[in-house]
C-alpha atoms as a PDB file:
ATOM      1  CA  UNK A   1       5.281 -67.003  46.863  1.00  0.00           C
ATOM      2  CA  UNK A   2       6.202 -70.698  47.399  1.00  0.00           C
ATOM      3  CA  UNK A   3       7.744 -71.975  43.990  1.00  0.00           C
ATOM      4  CA  UNK A   4      11.136 -71.295  43.362  1.00  0.00           C
ATOM      5  CA  UNK A   5      13.641 -72.248  40.510  1.00  0.00           C
ATOM      6  CA  UNK A   6      16.249 -75.486  41.471  1.00  0.00           C
ATOM      7  CA  UNK A   7      18.768 -76.293  39.209  1.00  0.00           C
ATOM      8  CA  UNK A   8      16.337 -74.888  36.136  1.00  0.00           C
ATOM      9  CA  UNK A   9      13.216 -76.929  37.221  1.00  0.00           C
ATOM     10  CA  UNK A  10      10.487 -75.423  39.301  1.00  0.00           C
ATOM     11  CA  UNK A  11       9.454 -76.379  42.909  1.00  0.00           C
ATOM     12  CA  UNK A  12       7.990 -76.077  45.621  1.00  0.00           C
ATOM     13  CA  UNK A  13      10.230 -74.273  48.000  1.00  0.00           C
ATOM     14  CA  UNK A  14       9.957 -76.090  50.908  1.00  0.00           C
ATOM     15  CA  UNK A  15      10.965 -79.566  48.869  1.00  0.00           C
ATOM     16  CA  UNK A  16      14.557 -78.138  47.509  1.00  0.00           C
ATOM     17  CA  UNK A  17      17.501 -79.669  49.408  1.00  0.00           C
ATOM     18  CA  UNK A  18      20.799 -78.889  49.105  1.00  0.00           C
ATOM     19  CA  UNK A  19      23.481 -81.239  50.981  1.00  0.00           C
ATOM     20  CA  UNK A  20      25.156 -80.509  54.228  1.00  0.00           C
ATOM     21  CA  UNK A  21      28.055 -80.874  52.928  1.00  0.00           C
ATOM     22  CA  UNK A  22      28.230 -78.526  49.676  1.00  0.00           C
ATOM     23  CA  UNK A  23      30.365 -75.903  49.406  1.00  0.00           C
ATOM     24  CA  UNK A  24      27.527 -73.417  49.419  1.00  0.00           C
ATOM     25  CA  UNK A  25      27.308 -74.861  53.228  1.00  0.00           C
ATOM     26  CA  UNK A  26      30.652 -74.667  53.597  1.00  0.00           C
ATOM     27  CA  UNK A  27      32.266 -71.708  52.156  1.00  0.00           C
ATOM     28  CA  UNK A  28      30.004 -69.876  50.422  1.00  0.00           C
ATOM     29  CA  UNK A  29      31.429 -70.691  47.468  1.00  0.00           C
ATOM     30  CA  UNK A  30      29.277 -68.994  44.798  1.00  0.00           C
ATOM     31  CA  UNK A  31      27.944 -65.561  43.466  1.00  0.00           C
ATOM     32  CA  UNK A  32      24.513 -64.054  43.604  1.00  0.00           C
ATOM     33  CA  UNK A  33      22.318 -61.210  41.763  1.00  0.00           C
ATOM     34  CA  UNK A  34      19.171 -59.549  43.500  1.00  0.00           C
ATOM     35  CA  UNK A  35      17.190 -57.219  41.421  1.00  0.00           C
ATOM     36  CA  UNK A  36      13.483 -56.233  41.389  1.00  0.00           C
ATOM     37  CA  UNK A  37      10.726 -57.607  39.835  1.00  0.00           C
ATOM     38  CA  UNK A  38       7.955 -54.467  38.497  1.00  0.00           C
ATOM     39  CA  UNK A  39       4.993 -56.478  37.542  1.00  0.00           C
ATOM     40  CA  UNK A  40       6.606 -59.103  35.828  1.00  0.00           C
ATOM     41  CA  UNK A  41       8.803 -56.169  33.950  1.00  0.00           C
ATOM     42  CA  UNK A  42      12.570 -55.992  34.520  1.00  0.00           C
ATOM     43  CA  UNK A  43      15.082 -52.778  34.770  1.00  0.00           C
ATOM     44  CA  UNK A  44      18.371 -53.407  33.167  1.00  0.00           C
ATOM     45  CA  UNK A  45      17.929 -57.235  33.632  1.00  0.00           C
ATOM     46  CA  UNK A  46      20.593 -57.833  31.373  1.00  0.00           C
ATOM     47  CA  UNK A  47      23.362 -55.794  33.357  1.00  0.00           C
ATOM     48  CA  UNK A  48      22.619 -58.010  36.014  1.00  0.00           C
ATOM     49  CA  UNK A  49      22.964 -61.385  34.236  1.00  0.00           C
ATOM     50  CA  UNK A  50      26.079 -60.074  32.744  1.00  0.00           C
ATOM     51  CA  UNK A  51      27.298 -59.344  35.722  1.00  0.00           C
ATOM     52  CA  UNK A  52      26.740 -62.877  37.289  1.00  0.00           C
ATOM     53  CA  UNK A  53      28.272 -64.324  34.681  1.00  0.00           C
ATOM     54  CA  UNK A  54      31.388 -62.501  35.286  1.00  0.00           C
ATOM     55  CA  UNK A  55      31.318 -63.205  39.043  1.00  0.00           C
ATOM     56  CA  UNK A  56      31.430 -67.230  37.886  1.00  0.00           C
ATOM     57  CA  UNK A  57      34.343 -66.288  35.580  1.00  0.00           C
ATOM     58  CA  UNK A  58      36.150 -64.465  38.324  1.00  0.00           C
ATOM     59  CA  UNK A  59      35.228 -67.829  40.189  1.00  0.00           C
ATOM     60  CA  UNK A  60      35.700 -70.347  37.911  1.00  0.00           C
ATOM     61  CA  UNK A  61      32.572 -71.346  37.563  1.00  0.00           C
ATOM     62  CA  UNK A  62      31.201 -73.167  34.386  1.00  0.00           C
ATOM     63  CA  UNK A  63      28.455 -71.284  32.854  1.00  0.00           C
ATOM     64  CA  UNK A  64      26.534 -74.195  31.265  1.00  0.00           C
ATOM     65  CA  UNK A  65      23.719 -73.127  28.721  1.00  0.00           C
ATOM     66  CA  UNK A  66      20.922 -73.096  31.513  1.00  0.00           C
ATOM     67  CA  UNK A  67      22.677 -70.493  33.057  1.00  0.00           C
ATOM     68  CA  UNK A  68      22.616 -68.477  29.534  1.00  0.00           C
ATOM     69  CA  UNK A  69      21.107 -65.158  29.541  1.00  0.00           C
ATOM     70  CA  UNK A  70      17.686 -66.192  27.448  1.00  0.00           C
ATOM     71  CA  UNK A  71      17.927 -69.541  29.357  1.00  0.00           C
ATOM     72  CA  UNK A  72      17.815 -67.640  32.979  1.00  0.00           C
ATOM     73  CA  UNK A  73      15.150 -64.862  31.634  1.00  0.00           C
ATOM     74  CA  UNK A  74      12.632 -68.308  30.697  1.00  0.00           C
ATOM     75  CA  UNK A  75      13.354 -69.779  33.963  1.00  0.00           C
ATOM     76  CA  UNK A  76      12.199 -65.902  35.279  1.00  0.00           C
ATOM     77  CA  UNK A  77       8.890 -65.877  33.150  1.00  0.00           C
ATOM     78  CA  UNK A  78       8.076 -69.366  34.690  1.00  0.00           C
ATOM     79  CA  UNK A  79       8.839 -68.371  38.070  1.00  0.00           C
ATOM     80  CA  UNK A  80       6.864 -64.929  38.146  1.00  0.00           C
ATOM     81  CA  UNK A  81       3.580 -66.920  36.095  1.00  0.00           C
ATOM     82  CA  UNK A  82       4.277 -69.575  38.865  1.00  0.00           C
ATOM     83  CA  UNK A  83       4.388 -67.682  41.534  1.00  0.00           C
ATOM     84  CA  UNK A  84       1.542 -65.102  39.846  1.00  0.00           C
ATOM     85  CA  UNK A  85       3.708 -62.579  40.606  1.00  0.00           C
ATOM     86  CA  UNK A  86       2.594 -60.370  37.565  1.00  0.00           C
ATOM     87  CA  UNK A  87       0.321 -57.817  39.253  1.00  0.00           C
ATOM     88  CA  UNK A  88       2.855 -56.986  42.118  1.00  0.00           C
ATOM     89  CA  UNK A  89       6.648 -55.940  42.897  1.00  0.00           C
ATOM     90  CA  UNK A  90       8.732 -58.892  43.948  1.00  0.00           C
ATOM     91  CA  UNK A  91      12.382 -59.302  45.277  1.00  0.00           C
ATOM     92  CA  UNK A  92      14.130 -61.722  42.715  1.00  0.00           C
ATOM     93  CA  UNK A  93      17.696 -64.071  43.898  1.00  0.00           C
ATOM     94  CA  UNK A  94      19.601 -65.686  41.288  1.00  0.00           C
ATOM     95  CA  UNK A  95      22.368 -67.653  43.875  1.00  0.00           C
ATOM     96  CA  UNK A  96      24.789 -69.870  41.637  1.00  0.00           C
ATOM     97  CA  UNK A  97      27.651 -72.422  43.695  1.00  0.00           C
ATOM     98  CA  UNK A  98      30.184 -74.632  43.058  1.00  0.00           C
ATOM     99  CA  UNK A  99      29.263 -78.390  43.601  1.00  0.00           C
ATOM    100  CA  UNK A 100      31.733 -81.037  44.137  1.00  0.00           C
ATOM    101  CA  UNK A 101      34.129 -81.772  47.511  1.00  0.00           C
ATOM    102  CA  UNK A 102      34.996 -80.201  49.717  1.00  0.00           C
ATOM    103  CA  UNK A 103      38.937 -78.377  50.305  1.00  0.00           C
ATOM    104  CA  UNK A 104      40.023 -75.280  49.274  1.00  0.00           C
ATOM    105  CA  UNK A 105      40.751 -76.840  45.860  1.00  0.00           C
ATOM    106  CA  UNK A 106      38.087 -77.271  44.342  1.00  0.00           C
ATOM    107  CA  UNK A 107      37.606 -79.830  41.606  1.00  0.00           C
ATOM    108  CA  UNK A 108      38.062 -78.652  38.053  1.00  0.00           C
ATOM    109  CA  UNK A 109      35.226 -80.913  36.225  1.00  0.00           C
ATOM    110  CA  UNK A 110      32.745 -79.933  39.288  1.00  0.00           C
ATOM    111  CA  UNK A 111      29.228 -78.770  37.820  1.00  0.00           C
ATOM    112  CA  UNK A 112      27.603 -75.970  39.202  1.00  0.00           C
ATOM    113  CA  UNK A 113      24.067 -75.382  41.251  1.00  0.00           C
ATOM    114  CA  UNK A 114      21.561 -72.525  41.494  1.00  0.00           C
ATOM    115  CA  UNK A 115      17.813 -71.447  42.559  1.00  0.00           C
ATOM    116  CA  UNK A 116      15.960 -68.692  41.921  1.00  0.00           C
ATOM    117  CA  UNK A 117      13.860 -67.270  44.367  1.00  0.00           C
ATOM    118  CA  UNK A 118      11.306 -64.716  44.757  1.00  0.00           C
ATOM    119  CA  UNK A 119       9.233 -62.674  47.645  1.00  0.00           C
ATOM    120  CA  UNK A 120       6.816 -59.966  47.537  1.00  0.00           C
ATOM    121  CA  UNK A 121       8.393 -56.645  47.663  1.00  0.00           C
ATOM    122  CA  UNK A 122       8.585 -55.192  51.447  1.00  0.00           C
ATOM    123  CA  UNK A 123       6.759 -51.793  52.465  1.00  0.00           C
ATOM    124  CA  UNK A 124       8.719 -49.727  54.304  1.00  0.00           C
ATOM    125  CA  UNK A 125      11.683 -50.442  51.725  1.00  0.00           C
ATOM    126  CA  UNK A 126      11.711 -46.748  50.698  1.00  0.00           C
ATOM    127  CA  UNK A 127      12.210 -45.400  53.938  1.00  0.00           C
ATOM    128  CA  UNK A 128      14.415 -42.992  55.331  1.00  0.00           C
ATOM    129  CA  UNK A 129      17.542 -44.839  57.047  1.00  0.00           C
ATOM    130  CA  UNK A 130      20.173 -44.090  59.893  1.00  0.00           C
ATOM    131  CA  UNK A 131      23.705 -45.054  59.467  1.00  0.00           C
ATOM    132  CA  UNK A 132      26.732 -45.085  61.286  1.00  0.00           C
ATOM    133  CA  UNK A 133      30.631 -45.579  60.810  1.00  0.00           C
ATOM    134  CA  UNK A 134      31.893 -48.776  62.123  1.00  0.00           C
ATOM    135  CA  UNK A 135      35.001 -50.539  62.549  1.00  0.00           C
ATOM    136  CA  UNK A 136      35.039 -53.643  60.105  1.00  0.00           C
ATOM    137  CA  UNK A 137      36.123 -51.978  56.927  1.00  0.00           C
ATOM    138  CA  UNK A 138      35.648 -52.989  53.210  1.00  0.00           C
ATOM    139  CA  UNK A 139      37.891 -55.602  52.312  1.00  0.00           C
ATOM    140  CA  UNK A 140      40.405 -54.266  49.476  1.00  0.00           C
ATOM    141  CA  UNK A 141      40.218 -54.677  45.835  1.00  0.00           C
ATOM    142  CA  UNK A 142      43.013 -56.272  45.944  1.00  0.00           C
ATOM    143  CA  UNK A 143      42.309 -59.042  48.112  1.00  0.00           C
ATOM    144  CA  UNK A 144      38.758 -59.676  46.651  1.00  0.00           C
ATOM    145  CA  UNK A 145      37.449 -58.390  44.046  1.00  0.00           C
ATOM    146  CA  UNK A 146      34.447 -55.612  44.761  1.00  0.00           C
ATOM    147  CA  UNK A 147      33.093 -55.928  41.117  1.00  0.00           C
ATOM    148  CA  UNK A 148      30.694 -58.657  42.443  1.00  0.00           C
ATOM    149  CA  UNK A 149      27.924 -60.338  44.613  1.00  0.00           C
ATOM    150  CA  UNK A 150      30.147 -63.061  46.350  1.00  0.00           C
ATOM    151  CA  UNK A 151      28.139 -65.333  48.283  1.00  0.00           C
ATOM    152  CA  UNK A 152      30.503 -65.366  51.646  1.00  0.00           C
ATOM    153  CA  UNK A 153      29.308 -61.800  53.063  1.00  0.00           C
ATOM    154  CA  UNK A 154      30.868 -62.361  55.944  1.00  0.00           C
ATOM    155  CA  UNK A 155      32.833 -58.420  55.713  1.00  0.00           C
ATOM    156  CA  UNK A 156      28.785 -56.857  55.272  1.00  0.00           C
ATOM    157  CA  UNK A 157      27.535 -59.375  58.305  1.00  0.00           C
ATOM    158  CA  UNK A 158      30.275 -57.999  60.812  1.00  0.00           C
ATOM    159  CA  UNK A 159      29.180 -54.281  59.989  1.00  0.00           C
ATOM    160  CA  UNK A 160      25.870 -54.899  59.978  1.00  0.00           C
ATOM    161  CA  UNK A 161      26.263 -56.470  63.806  1.00  0.00           C
ATOM    162  CA  UNK A 162      27.990 -52.789  64.782  1.00  0.00           C
ATOM    163  CA  UNK A 163      25.715 -51.077  63.212  1.00  0.00           C
ATOM    164  CA  UNK A 164      22.515 -53.329  64.990  1.00  0.00           C
ATOM    165  CA  UNK A 165      24.640 -52.750  68.318  1.00  0.00           C
ATOM    166  CA  UNK A 166      24.366 -48.818  67.761  1.00  0.00           C
ATOM    167  CA  UNK A 167      20.529 -48.786  66.909  1.00  0.00           C
ATOM    168  CA  UNK A 168      21.434 -47.946  63.209  1.00  0.00           C
ATOM    169  CA  UNK A 169      19.662 -49.647  60.180  1.00  0.00           C
ATOM    170  CA  UNK A 170      23.174 -49.758  58.468  1.00  0.00           C
ATOM    171  CA  UNK A 171      26.749 -49.323  58.575  1.00  0.00           C
ATOM    172  CA  UNK A 172      28.769 -46.679  56.566  1.00  0.00           C
ATOM    173  CA  UNK A 173      31.970 -48.891  56.125  1.00  0.00           C
ATOM    174  CA  UNK A 174      35.454 -46.816  55.241  1.00  0.00           C
ATOM    175  CA  UNK A 175      38.260 -48.683  53.191  1.00  0.00           C
ATOM    176  CA  UNK A 176      41.298 -49.461  55.105  1.00  0.00           C
ATOM    177  CA  UNK A 177      43.106 -46.330  54.303  1.00  0.00           C
ATOM    178  CA  UNK A 178      40.126 -44.314  55.965  1.00  0.00           C
ATOM    179  CA  UNK A 179      38.195 -43.123  52.958  1.00  0.00           C
ATOM    180  CA  UNK A 180      34.141 -43.515  52.642  1.00  0.00           C
ATOM    181  CA  UNK A 181      33.437 -46.687  50.296  1.00  0.00           C
ATOM    182  CA  UNK A 182      29.436 -47.746  51.064  1.00  0.00           C
ATOM    183  CA  UNK A 183      26.993 -49.572  53.194  1.00  0.00           C
ATOM    184  CA  UNK A 184      26.210 -53.425  53.146  1.00  0.00           C
ATOM    185  CA  UNK A 185      23.922 -52.661  50.877  1.00  0.00           C
ATOM    186  CA  UNK A 186      24.157 -50.052  48.734  1.00  0.00           C
ATOM    187  CA  UNK A 187      26.059 -47.131  46.901  1.00  0.00           C
ATOM    188  CA  UNK A 188      26.405 -43.817  49.032  1.00  0.00           C
ATOM    189  CA  UNK A 189      25.932 -40.383  47.600  1.00  0.00           C
ATOM    190  CA  UNK A 190      25.991 -36.730  49.368  1.00  0.00           C
ATOM    191  CA  UNK A 191      25.242 -32.983  48.196  1.00  0.00           C
ATOM    192  CA  UNK A 192      26.985 -29.721  48.813  1.00  0.00           C
ATOM    193  CA  UNK A 193      26.431 -27.153  47.166  1.00  0.00           C
ATOM    194  CA  UNK A 194      24.970 -27.715  43.774  1.00  0.00           C
ATOM    195  CA  UNK A 195      27.793 -30.529  43.555  1.00  0.00           C
ATOM    196  CA  UNK A 196      26.889 -34.209  44.264  1.00  0.00           C
ATOM    197  CA  UNK A 197      29.720 -36.352  45.440  1.00  0.00           C
ATOM    198  CA  UNK A 198      30.153 -40.433  45.836  1.00  0.00           C
ATOM    199  CA  UNK A 199      33.226 -42.553  46.113  1.00  0.00           C
ATOM    200  CA  UNK A 200      34.833 -43.865  42.955  1.00  0.00           C
ATOM    201  CA  UNK A 201      35.957 -47.254  42.117  1.00  0.00           C
ATOM    202  CA  UNK A 202      39.503 -46.789  44.144  1.00  0.00           C
ATOM    203  CA  UNK A 203      37.067 -46.913  47.543  1.00  0.00           C
ATOM    204  CA  UNK A 204      35.892 -51.026  46.842  1.00  0.00           C
ATOM    205  CA  UNK A 205      32.694 -50.613  46.470  1.00  0.00           C
ATOM    206  CA  UNK A 206      30.613 -52.877  44.626  1.00  0.00           C
ATOM    207  CA  UNK A 207      29.898 -50.657  41.416  1.00  0.00           C
ATOM    208  CA  UNK A 208      26.037 -51.205  41.416  1.00  0.00           C
ATOM    209  CA  UNK A 209      23.490 -50.983  38.397  1.00  0.00           C
ATOM    210  CA  UNK A 210      21.371 -48.581  40.222  1.00  0.00           C
ATOM    211  CA  UNK A 211      24.408 -46.126  41.090  1.00  0.00           C
ATOM    212  CA  UNK A 212      25.453 -45.670  37.083  1.00  0.00           C
ATOM    213  CA  UNK A 213      21.678 -45.068  36.185  1.00  0.00           C
ATOM    214  CA  UNK A 214      21.666 -42.501  38.837  1.00  0.00           C
ATOM    215  CA  UNK A 215      25.122 -41.065  37.932  1.00  0.00           C
ATOM    216  CA  UNK A 216      24.026 -40.790  34.351  1.00  0.00           C
ATOM    217  CA  UNK A 217      20.930 -38.973  35.048  1.00  0.00           C
ATOM    218  CA  UNK A 218      22.829 -36.478  37.578  1.00  0.00           C
ATOM    219  CA  UNK A 219      25.475 -35.628  34.814  1.00  0.00           C
ATOM    220  CA  UNK A 220      22.267 -35.599  31.523  1.00  0.00           C
ATOM    221  CA  UNK A 221      18.974 -34.855  33.480  1.00  0.00           C
ATOM    222  CA  UNK A 222      19.898 -32.531  36.679  1.00  0.00           C
ATOM    223  CA  UNK A 223      21.622 -29.194  36.698  1.00  0.00           C
ATOM    224  CA  UNK A 224      24.106 -30.999  39.443  1.00  0.00           C
ATOM    225  CA  UNK A 225      27.844 -31.625  39.222  1.00  0.00           C
ATOM    226  CA  UNK A 226      28.887 -34.735  39.487  1.00  0.00           C
ATOM    227  CA  UNK A 227      32.224 -35.707  41.298  1.00  0.00           C
ATOM    228  CA  UNK A 228      33.104 -39.332  41.992  1.00  0.00           C
ATOM    229  CA  UNK A 229      36.486 -39.521  44.101  1.00  0.00           C
ATOM    230  CA  UNK A 230      38.242 -40.466  47.871  1.00  0.00           C
ATOM    231  CA  UNK A 231      36.446 -38.847  50.777  1.00  0.00           C
ATOM    232  CA  UNK A 232      37.721 -38.946  54.364  1.00  0.00           C
ATOM    233  CA  UNK A 233      34.215 -39.697  56.497  1.00  0.00           C
ATOM    234  CA  UNK A 234      34.250 -35.647  57.944  1.00  0.00           C
ATOM    235  CA  UNK A 235      33.245 -34.693  54.378  1.00  0.00           C
ATOM    236  CA  UNK A 236      29.673 -36.264  55.293  1.00  0.00           C
ATOM    237  CA  UNK A 237      29.302 -33.928  58.130  1.00  0.00           C
ATOM    238  CA  UNK A 238      28.225 -30.725  56.569  1.00  0.00           C
ATOM    239  CA  UNK A 239      26.498 -32.623  54.282  1.00  0.00           C
ATOM    240  CA  UNK A 240      23.192 -30.965  52.585  1.00  0.00           C
ATOM    241  CA  UNK A 241      21.611 -34.325  52.171  1.00  0.00           C
ATOM    242  CA  UNK A 242      22.660 -37.928  51.747  1.00  0.00           C
ATOM    243  CA  UNK A 243      20.889 -40.688  50.114  1.00  0.00           C
ATOM    244  CA  UNK A 244      21.520 -44.422  49.156  1.00  0.00           C
ATOM    245  CA  UNK A 245      20.734 -46.189  46.218  1.00  0.00           C
ATOM    246  CA  UNK A 246      20.274 -50.095  45.003  1.00  0.00           C
ATOM    247  CA  UNK A 247      18.445 -51.820  42.302  1.00  0.00           C
ATOM    248  CA  UNK A 248      15.561 -53.180  45.090  1.00  0.00           C
ATOM    249  CA  UNK A 249      15.651 -49.771  46.980  1.00  0.00           C
ATOM    250  CA  UNK A 250      16.278 -47.540  44.337  1.00  0.00           C
ATOM    251  CA  UNK A 251      16.919 -43.664  45.660  1.00  0.00           C
ATOM    252  CA  UNK A 252      16.819 -43.750  49.849  1.00  0.00           C
ATOM    253  CA  UNK A 253      17.100 -40.879  51.709  1.00  0.00           C
ATOM    254  CA  UNK A 254      19.361 -41.235  55.159  1.00  0.00           C
ATOM    255  CA  UNK A 255      18.111 -39.438  57.933  1.00  0.00           C
ATOM    256  CA  UNK A 256      21.275 -40.107  60.424  1.00  0.00           C
ATOM    257  CA  UNK A 257      25.109 -40.971  60.733  1.00  0.00           C
ATOM    258  CA  UNK A 258      25.916 -41.175  63.955  1.00  0.00           C
ATOM    259  CA  UNK A 259      25.506 -37.797  65.300  1.00  0.00           C
ATOM    260  CA  UNK A 260      24.842 -36.126  62.388  1.00  0.00           C
ATOM    261  CA  UNK A 261      21.189 -35.424  61.291  1.00  0.00           C
ATOM    262  CA  UNK A 262      19.892 -34.598  57.371  1.00  0.00           C
ATOM    263  CA  UNK A 263      16.719 -33.667  55.904  1.00  0.00           C
ATOM    264  CA  UNK A 264      14.820 -36.256  53.852  1.00  0.00           C
ATOM    265  CA  UNK A 265      12.738 -33.631  52.240  1.00  0.00           C
ATOM    266  CA  UNK A 266      14.855 -31.955  50.011  1.00  0.00           C
ATOM    267  CA  UNK A 267      14.494 -31.051  46.591  1.00  0.00           C
ATOM    268  CA  UNK A 268      17.433 -33.113  45.014  1.00  0.00           C
ATOM    269  CA  UNK A 269      15.591 -36.347  46.480  1.00  0.00           C
ATOM    270  CA  UNK A 270      11.713 -34.990  43.997  1.00  0.00           C
ATOM    271  CA  UNK A 271      14.281 -33.958  41.074  1.00  0.00           C
ATOM    272  CA  UNK A 272      16.419 -37.327  40.790  1.00  0.00           C
ATOM    273  CA  UNK A 273      12.844 -39.558  41.952  1.00  0.00           C
ATOM    274  CA  UNK A 274      11.203 -38.055  39.274  1.00  0.00           C
ATOM    275  CA  UNK A 275      13.818 -38.479  37.044  1.00  0.00           C
ATOM    276  CA  UNK A 276      14.453 -41.995  37.889  1.00  0.00           C
ATOM    277  CA  UNK A 277      11.103 -42.745  37.274  1.00  0.00           C
ATOM    278  CA  UNK A 278      11.067 -41.644  33.896  1.00  0.00           C
ATOM    279  CA  UNK A 279      14.360 -43.636  32.859  1.00  0.00           C
ATOM    280  CA  UNK A 280      12.188 -46.594  34.567  1.00  0.00           C
ATOM    281  CA  UNK A 281       9.262 -45.750  31.983  1.00  0.00           C
ATOM    282  CA  UNK A 282      11.635 -45.835  29.051  1.00  0.00           C
ATOM    283  CA  UNK A 283      14.000 -49.240  30.086  1.00  0.00           C
ATOM    284  CA  UNK A 284      11.377 -51.491  31.715  1.00  0.00           C
ATOM    285  CA  UNK A 285      11.400 -54.720  29.527  1.00  0.00           C
ATOM    286  CA  UNK A 286       9.260 -57.592  29.982  1.00  0.00           C
ATOM    287  CA  UNK A 287      10.861 -61.280  29.499  1.00  0.00           C
ATOM    288  CA  UNK A 288       8.378 -61.973  26.501  1.00  0.00           C
END
């Protein structure tokens, strides 16, 4: 998959250039979305594009015509076709950044730049994952919005480095008030006695699109009760099953958090995965 979209044009990935003095390089001054391409079709694509535009509005970026829903869908269609990716599953990343000179006071007249890239979906993307609680806390919503995927991911990178040092796949992050929040890349759920728990929006989480789908499935298509709230990490100690979810990995079981281990072949996974597949069949959309 050697072709990308750069500022609205199809180009070879190696030919795209961003200046070293770019605000994207200097500050990570931008936002992005990642989502899965299912053999040329997409799940809840409009919600991803809505969130991207909301992030741009939060950052004060100009939503130009070429970044409208219809224009981006045309660019995605071009990209899928040029990379001959309509027969395989892929990872799409849509990145937007602010143009203009450096400095913490951006030029109100500065434009925007963007890229759309794609790569094959990794084969092991649904394998069980190990987590470890880390010292790095989630940035509070009052300090920086948790509702969007902002380009400067140092908070997540620090947490991920801690997890790697402890031989875990990902970090379990807490709020500054010691409540369970999320991992660096996914929302978290767990099961206890027919009740499924997940952190609420007060826990500085990214309200993931797959999290929303899964919450709806639990409420409307399962026998489980769903409770969203603020939970201390000890609540996970005696969970029957734990899993994470995002738009790329869908539902991924957790096999270990620190010293605690969990069953990765459990009825709840079979039930929720089946219902998620049914949801996909009903909602996958093509670009044409």
